[in-house]
Amino acid sequence: MNFKRASLLAIAAAALVAGTASAQVKVGVTVSATGPAASLGIPEKNTFSLMPKEIAGKKIEYIILDDASDTTTAVKNTRKLISEDKVDVVVGSTVTPNSLAMVDIVAENETPMITMAASARIIEPMDAKRAWVFKTPQNDSHMATAIAEHMTNNNVKTVAFIGFADAYGDSWAQEFAKVAEMRKIKVVANERFARTDTSVTGQVLKMMGSNADAVLIAGSGTPAALPEKALKERGYKGRIYQTHGIANPDFLRVCGKDCEGTLLPAGPLLVADQLPDSNPVKKPAMTYKTAYEKAFGGQVSTFGGHAWDAGLILQHAIPEALKKGQPGTKEFRKALRDAMEQIRNLPVSHGIMNMSPTDHLGFDQRSRVMVQIVDGKWKLLTK
């Protein structure tokens, strides 16, 4: 009797352990599909419908929540996805402040996270917490270098800066200041504005008073059009640079004629059809562009591309992780994280990824191009 009971208990215990595993991989997503960052989050949300429903024989379930561009909601979504939905990986959020707030949660629960936000601070400097976080957008530092190089080549000596009054604007101000100093470019004004502001008159007057050769606006989505429109209304004649945060069709619509001539660094996806066939990024970029525009019409957004690239990372990492654990277990989440870290020469819509234990983005110069807005369209600059 005791032997039988022990056997039954052993069987029950084994069944309980096995029950923690899942027959499918659960991907938890939080995007800013409403609120100030909606023009970025909507194409990201749409993109998940284009992703595979099965990888390496395992069904993939995408659980998608809207954080409304709000940091507190992003944190709540992350907690829910991990504690209630038992996801194997978190993808999100759309914007830097939200993503930064999510890092502690995923690290505490040892759940890998792929952010679609740009700031390098989300993954740098590498530490025990950031070891669980990966990123698909190009670093702001990477893009700041491209802007400074273009300024130097076009005799820009002084720059007035205006950025979001949050982590995105602060990171850009810091990174641009570093490369500007190296290239002998003087930052003569440093202003901030909120994503929800409706006027930046005071800030623009200060920038106009600086007589800068150029203005750099560090914003994302449609709110980034506000300073540019105000500058044009005041008659500013210098060069205007934006960040890759505006690389979506809604910005062109909102800014209209006021953004004509604007310069920005962008992922190659933005001008995929203008890339030479020899560019190794053209094929994966065009694959996504064609799929998205067929499904949703209009023009592809680079922000949707960041979601697409997160999907490509998972398509690469999940088969490797399944060799060491089953979905729904701690072993699988750890193996998934490790597999992402070992990615080599992976073509995605924004570049070629080569990750490592100290680099959870893995992009090089192939992940950026300089673009100008001409006749309301994106034009690849070749010089």
Protein backbone atom coordinates (compact mmCIF):
# COMPACT_ATOMS: atom_id res chain seq x y z
CA MET A 1 0.00 0.00 0.00
CA ASN A 2 2.76 2.41 0.91
CA PHE A 3 4.56 1.54 -2.30
CA LYS A 4 1.43 2.16 -4.34
CA ARG A 5 0.82 5.46 -2.57
CA ALA A 6 4.40 6.55 -3.16
CA SER A 7 4.07 5.63 -6.82
CA LEU A 8 0.85 7.58 -7.16
CA LEU A 9 2.37 10.58 -5.46
CA ALA A 10 5.38 10.42 -7.75
CA ILE A 11 3.12 10.25 -10.80
CA ALA A 12 1.04 13.17 -9.52
CA ALA A 13 4.15 15.23 -8.84
CA ALA A 14 5.48 14.51 -12.32
CA ALA A 15 2.15 15.52 -13.82
CA LEU A 16 2.19 18.73 -11.81
CA VAL A 17 5.67 19.63 -13.05
CA ALA A 18 4.72 18.77 -16.61
CA GLY A 19 1.65 20.95 -16.22
CA THR A 20 3.80 24.02 -15.83
CA ALA A 21 4.91 23.61 -19.42
CA SER A 22 2.75 24.82 -22.29
CA ALA A 23 1.90 23.33 -25.64
CA GLN A 24 2.33 26.76 -27.21
CA VAL A 25 4.70 29.71 -27.01
CA LYS A 26 3.03 32.76 -25.53
CA VAL A 27 4.23 36.16 -26.75
CA GLY A 28 2.99 39.04 -24.61
CA VAL A 29 2.84 42.41 -26.34
CA THR A 30 2.20 45.92 -25.01
CA VAL A 31 2.03 48.70 -27.60
CA SER A 32 1.02 52.36 -27.59
CA ALA A 33 -1.92 51.96 -29.96
CA THR A 34 -3.68 55.01 -28.50
CA GLY A 35 -2.44 58.26 -26.95
CA PRO A 36 0.35 60.56 -28.23
CA ALA A 37 2.40 57.66 -29.65
CA ALA A 38 -0.52 56.03 -31.50
CA SER A 39 0.96 56.76 -34.93
CA LEU A 40 3.88 54.54 -33.92
CA GLY A 41 1.97 51.88 -32.01
CA ILE A 42 -0.81 51.20 -34.52
CA PRO A 43 1.49 49.86 -37.27
CA GLU A 44 3.31 47.82 -34.62
CA LYS A 45 0.02 46.30 -33.47
CA ASN A 46 -1.00 45.61 -37.07
CA THR A 47 2.28 43.86 -37.76
CA PHE A 48 1.69 41.09 -35.24
CA SER A 49 -1.19 39.84 -37.38
CA LEU A 50 1.36 39.12 -40.12
CA MET A 51 3.61 36.98 -37.94
CA PRO A 52 3.71 33.17 -38.06
CA LYS A 53 1.19 31.26 -35.93
CA GLU A 54 3.54 28.28 -35.67
CA ILE A 55 7.31 28.00 -35.24
CA ALA A 56 9.27 24.74 -34.99
CA GLY A 57 6.06 22.77 -34.52
CA LYS A 58 4.81 24.95 -31.66
CA LYS A 59 1.75 27.15 -31.92
CA ILE A 60 2.46 30.83 -31.21
CA GLU A 61 -0.10 32.86 -29.28
CA TYR A 62 0.19 36.66 -29.39
CA ILE A 63 -1.48 38.41 -26.45
CA ILE A 64 -1.66 42.10 -27.38
CA LEU A 65 -2.48 44.91 -24.93
CA ASP A 66 -2.66 48.69 -25.45
CA ASP A 67 -0.76 50.84 -22.93
CA ALA A 68 -2.21 54.10 -24.34
CA SER A 69 1.28 55.69 -24.41
CA ASP A 70 1.16 55.69 -20.60
CA THR A 71 4.03 54.42 -18.45
CA THR A 72 1.84 53.22 -15.58
CA THR A 73 -0.37 51.24 -17.94
CA ALA A 74 2.67 49.70 -19.63
CA VAL A 75 3.87 48.48 -16.24
CA LYS A 76 0.42 47.04 -15.41
CA ASN A 77 0.27 45.32 -18.79
CA THR A 78 3.70 43.77 -18.26
CA ARG A 79 2.77 42.45 -14.84
CA LYS A 80 -0.46 40.98 -16.19
CA LEU A 81 1.23 39.34 -19.16
CA ILE A 82 3.81 37.68 -16.92
CA SER A 83 1.77 36.79 -13.81
CA GLU A 84 -1.64 36.02 -15.33
CA ASP A 85 -1.01 35.08 -18.95
CA LYS A 86 2.26 33.31 -18.19
CA VAL A 87 3.99 34.58 -21.33
CA ASP A 88 7.39 33.30 -22.41
CA VAL A 89 8.56 36.65 -23.78
CA VAL A 90 7.40 40.27 -23.66
CA VAL A 91 7.55 42.54 -26.71
CA GLY A 92 7.19 46.28 -26.05
CA SER A 93 6.69 48.96 -25.49
CA THR A 94 6.51 51.51 -28.28
CA VAL A 95 8.17 54.41 -26.46
CA THR A 96 11.26 54.83 -24.31
CA PRO A 97 9.69 55.89 -20.96
CA ASN A 98 7.37 52.88 -20.98
CA SER A 99 10.12 50.46 -21.94
CA LEU A 100 12.49 51.73 -19.26
CA ALA A 101 9.77 51.22 -16.64
CA MET A 102 9.28 47.62 -17.78
CA VAL A 103 12.90 46.54 -17.35
CA ASP A 104 12.71 45.87 -13.59
CA ILE A 105 9.60 43.72 -13.99
CA VAL A 106 10.92 41.42 -16.70
CA ALA A 107 14.26 41.06 -14.95
CA GLU A 108 12.60 40.21 -11.63
CA ASN A 109 10.57 37.51 -13.37
CA GLU A 110 13.44 36.34 -15.59
CA THR A 111 11.37 36.83 -18.73
CA PRO A 112 13.09 38.04 -21.91
CA MET A 113 11.87 41.33 -23.38
CA ILE A 114 12.27 42.84 -26.84
CA THR A 115 11.62 46.58 -26.84
CA MET A 116 10.51 48.57 -29.88
CA ALA A 117 11.75 51.86 -28.36
CA ALA A 118 14.92 53.64 -29.40
CA SER A 119 16.90 54.82 -26.38
CA ALA A 120 20.22 53.07 -25.81
CA ARG A 121 19.60 53.41 -22.07
CA ILE A 122 17.11 50.54 -22.26
CA ILE A 123 19.95 48.10 -22.91
CA GLU A 124 23.03 50.05 -21.80
CA PRO A 125 25.11 49.80 -19.73
CA MET A 126 24.70 46.04 -19.61
CA ASP A 127 23.93 44.69 -16.13
CA ALA A 128 21.97 41.88 -14.49
CA LYS A 129 18.62 43.52 -15.25
CA ARG A 130 19.33 44.56 -18.83
CA ALA A 131 20.65 41.06 -19.52
CA TRP A 132 16.97 40.16 -20.07
CA VAL A 133 16.26 43.02 -22.49
CA PHE A 134 16.83 43.24 -26.25
CA LYS A 135 16.06 45.99 -28.73
CA THR A 136 15.10 46.30 -32.40
CA PRO A 137 15.31 50.09 -33.14
CA GLN A 138 18.65 51.68 -33.88
CA ASN A 139 20.27 53.39 -30.89
CA ASP A 140 19.83 57.15 -30.66
CA SER A 141 23.62 57.39 -30.36
CA HIS A 142 23.96 55.55 -33.66
CA MET A 143 21.60 57.96 -35.40
CA ALA A 144 23.08 61.05 -33.72
CA THR A 145 26.42 60.21 -35.33
CA ALA A 146 24.79 60.14 -38.78
CA ILE A 147 23.21 63.56 -38.20
CA ALA A 148 26.46 65.12 -36.96
CA GLU A 149 28.32 63.72 -39.95
CA HIS A 150 25.79 65.24 -42.34
CA MET A 151 25.99 68.58 -40.51
CA THR A 152 29.78 68.62 -40.77
CA ASN A 153 29.63 67.85 -44.48
CA ASN A 154 27.21 70.74 -44.98
CA ASN A 155 29.08 73.38 -42.95
CA VAL A 156 26.69 73.47 -40.00
CA LYS A 157 28.57 75.06 -37.09
CA THR A 158 25.80 75.84 -34.59
CA VAL A 159 22.66 73.90 -33.63
CA ALA A 160 19.57 74.67 -31.57
CA PHE A 161 18.12 71.55 -29.92
CA ILE A 162 14.56 70.86 -28.84
CA GLY A 163 13.41 67.46 -27.59
CA PHE A 164 10.67 65.71 -25.68
CA ALA A 165 10.65 66.44 -21.94
CA ASP A 166 11.21 62.78 -21.10
CA ALA A 167 13.80 60.03 -21.43
CA TYR A 168 13.72 60.16 -25.24
CA GLY A 169 14.58 63.87 -25.41
CA ASP A 170 17.12 63.64 -22.61
CA SER A 171 18.93 60.71 -24.20
CA TRP A 172 19.08 62.45 -27.55
CA ALA A 173 20.38 65.66 -25.98
CA GLN A 174 23.18 63.74 -24.26
CA GLU A 175 24.15 61.62 -27.25
CA PHE A 176 24.07 64.49 -29.73
CA ALA A 177 26.11 66.70 -27.39
CA LYS A 178 28.85 64.05 -27.36
CA VAL A 179 29.16 63.73 -31.13
CA ALA A 180 28.68 67.47 -31.67
CA GLU A 181 31.63 68.24 -29.40
CA MET A 182 33.83 65.78 -31.28
CA ARG A 183 32.92 67.44 -34.59
CA LYS A 184 33.27 71.02 -33.28
CA ILE A 185 29.55 71.73 -33.61
CA LYS A 186 28.22 74.10 -30.94
CA VAL A 187 24.82 73.51 -29.33
CA VAL A 188 23.55 77.06 -28.75
CA ALA A 189 20.07 76.26 -27.38
CA ASN A 190 18.59 73.29 -25.51
CA GLU A 191 14.81 73.25 -25.10
CA ARG A 192 12.13 70.72 -24.15
CA PHE A 193 8.43 70.17 -24.83
CA ALA A 194 5.85 67.59 -23.74
CA ARG A 195 4.36 65.04 -26.11
CA THR A 196 0.92 66.46 -25.33
CA ASP A 197 1.80 70.18 -25.74
CA THR A 198 -0.21 72.27 -28.18
CA SER A 199 2.21 75.22 -28.31
CA VAL A 200 5.99 75.65 -28.24
CA THR A 201 6.09 79.37 -28.94
CA GLY A 202 8.40 80.21 -26.03
CA GLN A 203 10.91 77.52 -26.91
CA VAL A 204 10.90 78.44 -30.60
CA LEU A 205 11.49 82.12 -29.85
CA LYS A 206 14.56 81.19 -27.81
CA MET A 207 15.87 78.98 -30.61
CA MET A 208 15.24 81.69 -33.20
CA GLY A 209 17.17 84.10 -31.01
CA SER A 210 20.20 81.82 -31.04
CA ASN A 211 20.64 82.31 -34.82
CA ALA A 212 21.63 78.67 -35.17
CA ASP A 213 22.65 77.25 -38.55
CA ALA A 214 20.38 74.27 -37.93
CA VAL A 215 17.74 72.93 -35.56
CA LEU A 216 17.55 69.34 -34.30
CA ILE A 217 14.11 68.20 -33.11
CA ALA A 218 14.22 65.06 -30.95
CA GLY A 219 10.65 63.82 -30.90
CA SER A 220 8.68 60.91 -32.29
CA GLY A 221 5.42 60.45 -34.10
CA THR A 222 3.06 63.30 -34.93
CA PRO A 223 3.92 65.42 -31.83
CA ALA A 224 7.37 66.01 -33.39
CA ALA A 225 5.70 68.14 -36.09
CA LEU A 226 4.76 70.87 -33.60
CA PRO A 227 8.19 72.57 -33.25
CA GLU A 228 8.85 72.31 -36.98
CA LYS A 229 5.56 73.94 -37.92
CA ALA A 230 6.19 76.69 -35.35
CA LEU A 231 9.69 77.32 -36.73
CA LYS A 232 8.36 77.63 -40.27
CA GLU A 233 5.60 79.99 -39.12
CA ARG A 234 8.28 82.21 -37.56
CA GLY A 235 10.28 82.22 -40.79
CA TYR A 236 13.23 80.05 -39.79
CA LYS A 237 15.43 79.50 -42.87
CA GLY A 238 18.13 77.15 -41.53
CA ARG A 239 18.33 73.39 -41.92
CA ILE A 240 15.93 71.32 -39.83
CA TYR A 241 16.87 67.84 -38.70
CA GLN A 242 14.58 65.31 -37.06
CA THR A 243 15.31 61.89 -35.57
CA HIS A 244 14.20 58.49 -36.82
CA GLY A 245 11.25 58.93 -34.49
CA ILE A 246 9.29 60.66 -37.28
CA ALA A 247 9.73 57.94 -39.89
CA ASN A 248 6.06 57.17 -40.41
CA PRO A 249 3.37 58.37 -42.85
CA ASP A 250 1.31 60.15 -40.20
CA PHE A 251 4.14 62.59 -39.58
CA LEU A 252 4.15 63.55 -43.27
CA ARG A 253 0.38 64.04 -43.14
CA VAL A 254 0.38 66.21 -40.02
CA CYS A 255 3.46 68.28 -40.88
CA GLY A 256 2.45 68.78 -44.51
CA LYS A 257 4.33 71.44 -46.45
CA ASP A 258 6.10 72.61 -43.28
CA CYS A 259 8.30 69.51 -43.27
CA GLU A 260 9.55 69.96 -46.83
CA GLY A 261 13.35 69.65 -46.89
CA THR A 262 13.58 68.05 -43.44
CA LEU A 263 16.61 65.81 -42.95
CA LEU A 264 16.69 62.68 -40.80
CA PRO A 265 18.54 59.43 -40.26
CA ALA A 266 16.30 56.39 -40.70
CA GLY A 267 16.29 52.66 -40.92
CA PRO A 268 16.68 51.44 -44.51
CA LEU A 269 13.11 50.10 -44.43
CA LEU A 270 11.82 53.65 -44.91
CA VAL A 271 13.29 53.79 -48.42
CA ALA A 272 13.57 50.08 -49.10
CA ASP A 273 12.57 50.35 -52.75
CA GLN A 274 15.26 53.01 -53.32
CA LEU A 275 18.09 50.86 -51.96
CA PRO A 276 20.50 49.30 -54.46
CA ASP A 277 19.97 45.57 -55.00
CA SER A 278 23.45 44.98 -53.57
CA ASN A 279 22.31 46.21 -50.13
CA PRO A 280 21.81 43.08 -47.95
CA VAL A 281 18.96 44.77 -46.08
CA LYS A 282 16.85 45.35 -49.19
CA LYS A 283 15.39 41.84 -49.44
CA PRO A 284 14.13 41.49 -45.82
CA ALA A 285 12.93 45.11 -45.85
CA MET A 286 10.98 44.64 -49.07
CA THR A 287 9.49 41.37 -47.79
CA TYR A 288 7.95 43.20 -44.84
CA LYS A 289 7.00 46.29 -46.85
CA THR A 290 5.16 44.20 -49.43
CA ALA A 291 3.34 42.12 -46.82
CA TYR A 292 2.27 45.11 -44.74
CA GLU A 293 1.07 47.27 -47.61
CA LYS A 294 -0.87 44.36 -49.12
CA ALA A 295 -2.62 43.72 -45.79
CA PHE A 296 -3.24 47.28 -44.64
CA GLY A 297 -2.74 49.54 -47.64
CA GLY A 298 -1.04 52.92 -47.40
CA GLN A 299 2.67 53.25 -46.74
CA VAL A 300 4.77 51.07 -44.49
CA SER A 301 6.05 52.55 -41.21
CA THR A 302 9.51 51.93 -39.84
CA PHE A 303 7.90 51.42 -36.43
CA GLY A 304 5.96 48.46 -37.71
CA GLY A 305 9.33 47.24 -38.93
CA HIS A 306 10.62 47.22 -35.37
CA ALA A 307 7.79 44.85 -34.45
CA TRP A 308 8.50 42.73 -37.54
CA ASP A 309 12.15 42.46 -36.57
CA ALA A 310 11.16 41.33 -33.07
CA GLY A 311 9.22 38.57 -34.79
CA LEU A 312 12.26 37.60 -36.87
CA ILE A 313 14.34 37.39 -33.69
CA LEU A 314 11.79 35.01 -32.18
CA GLN A 315 11.64 32.89 -35.33
CA HIS A 316 15.39 32.46 -35.01
CA ALA A 317 15.54 31.95 -31.22
CA ILE A 318 12.51 29.74 -30.49
CA PRO A 319 13.80 26.61 -32.30
CA GLU A 320 17.09 26.88 -30.40
CA ALA A 321 15.35 27.41 -27.05
CA LEU A 322 13.12 24.35 -27.58
CA LYS A 323 16.25 22.19 -27.48
CA LYS A 324 16.71 23.11 -23.81
CA GLY A 325 13.22 23.59 -22.42
CA GLN A 326 9.49 23.69 -23.05
CA PRO A 327 7.29 26.81 -23.28
CA GLY A 328 5.85 27.91 -19.97
CA THR A 329 8.98 27.00 -18.00
CA LYS A 330 11.83 28.96 -16.51
CA GLU A 331 14.27 26.82 -18.50
CA PHE A 332 12.64 27.81 -21.79
CA ARG A 333 12.67 31.53 -20.97
CA LYS A 334 16.34 31.36 -20.06
CA ALA A 335 17.14 29.37 -23.20
CA LEU A 336 15.19 31.88 -25.30
CA ARG A 337 17.22 34.74 -23.82
CA ASP A 338 20.46 32.87 -24.48
CA ALA A 339 19.45 32.09 -28.07
CA MET A 340 18.74 35.76 -28.79
CA GLU A 341 22.15 36.65 -27.44
CA GLN A 342 23.79 34.26 -29.90
CA ILE A 343 22.18 35.72 -33.02
CA ARG A 344 24.71 36.16 -35.83
CA ASN A 345 24.29 37.75 -39.27
CA LEU A 346 20.48 37.82 -39.09
CA PRO A 347 18.99 39.97 -41.89
CA VAL A 348 16.01 42.01 -40.65
CA SER A 349 14.07 44.92 -42.09
CA HIS A 350 16.32 47.51 -40.42
CA GLY A 351 19.77 45.99 -40.76
CA ILE A 352 21.93 42.95 -40.05
CA MET A 353 21.92 41.76 -36.42
CA ASN A 354 24.97 40.41 -34.62
CA MET A 355 24.21 40.22 -30.91
CA SER A 356 26.44 39.27 -27.99
CA PRO A 357 26.35 39.19 -24.18
CA THR A 358 27.30 42.88 -24.18
CA ASP A 359 25.32 44.03 -27.24
CA HIS A 360 21.58 43.33 -27.26
CA LEU A 361 20.92 45.25 -30.48
CA GLY A 362 23.74 44.18 -32.76
CA PHE A 363 23.39 46.74 -35.55
CA ASP A 364 26.20 48.38 -37.54
CA GLN A 365 26.21 51.18 -40.13
CA ARG A 366 24.03 49.09 -42.45
CA SER A 367 21.08 49.90 -40.21
CA ARG A 368 20.90 53.60 -41.10
CA VAL A 369 20.60 55.89 -44.09
CA MET A 370 20.13 59.64 -44.43
CA VAL A 371 16.78 60.70 -45.83
CA GLN A 372 15.23 64.01 -46.90
CA ILE A 373 11.55 64.88 -47.26
CA VAL A 374 11.04 66.01 -50.86
CA ASP A 375 7.60 66.74 -52.34
CA GLY A 376 6.00 65.12 -49.32
CA LYS A 377 7.91 61.85 -49.78
CA TRP A 378 10.97 60.15 -48.31
CA LYS A 379 14.05 60.44 -50.54
CA LEU A 380 17.24 58.45 -49.96
CA LEU A 381 20.34 60.68 -49.87
CA THR A 382 23.33 59.05 -51.49
CA LYS A 383 25.88 61.69 -50.46
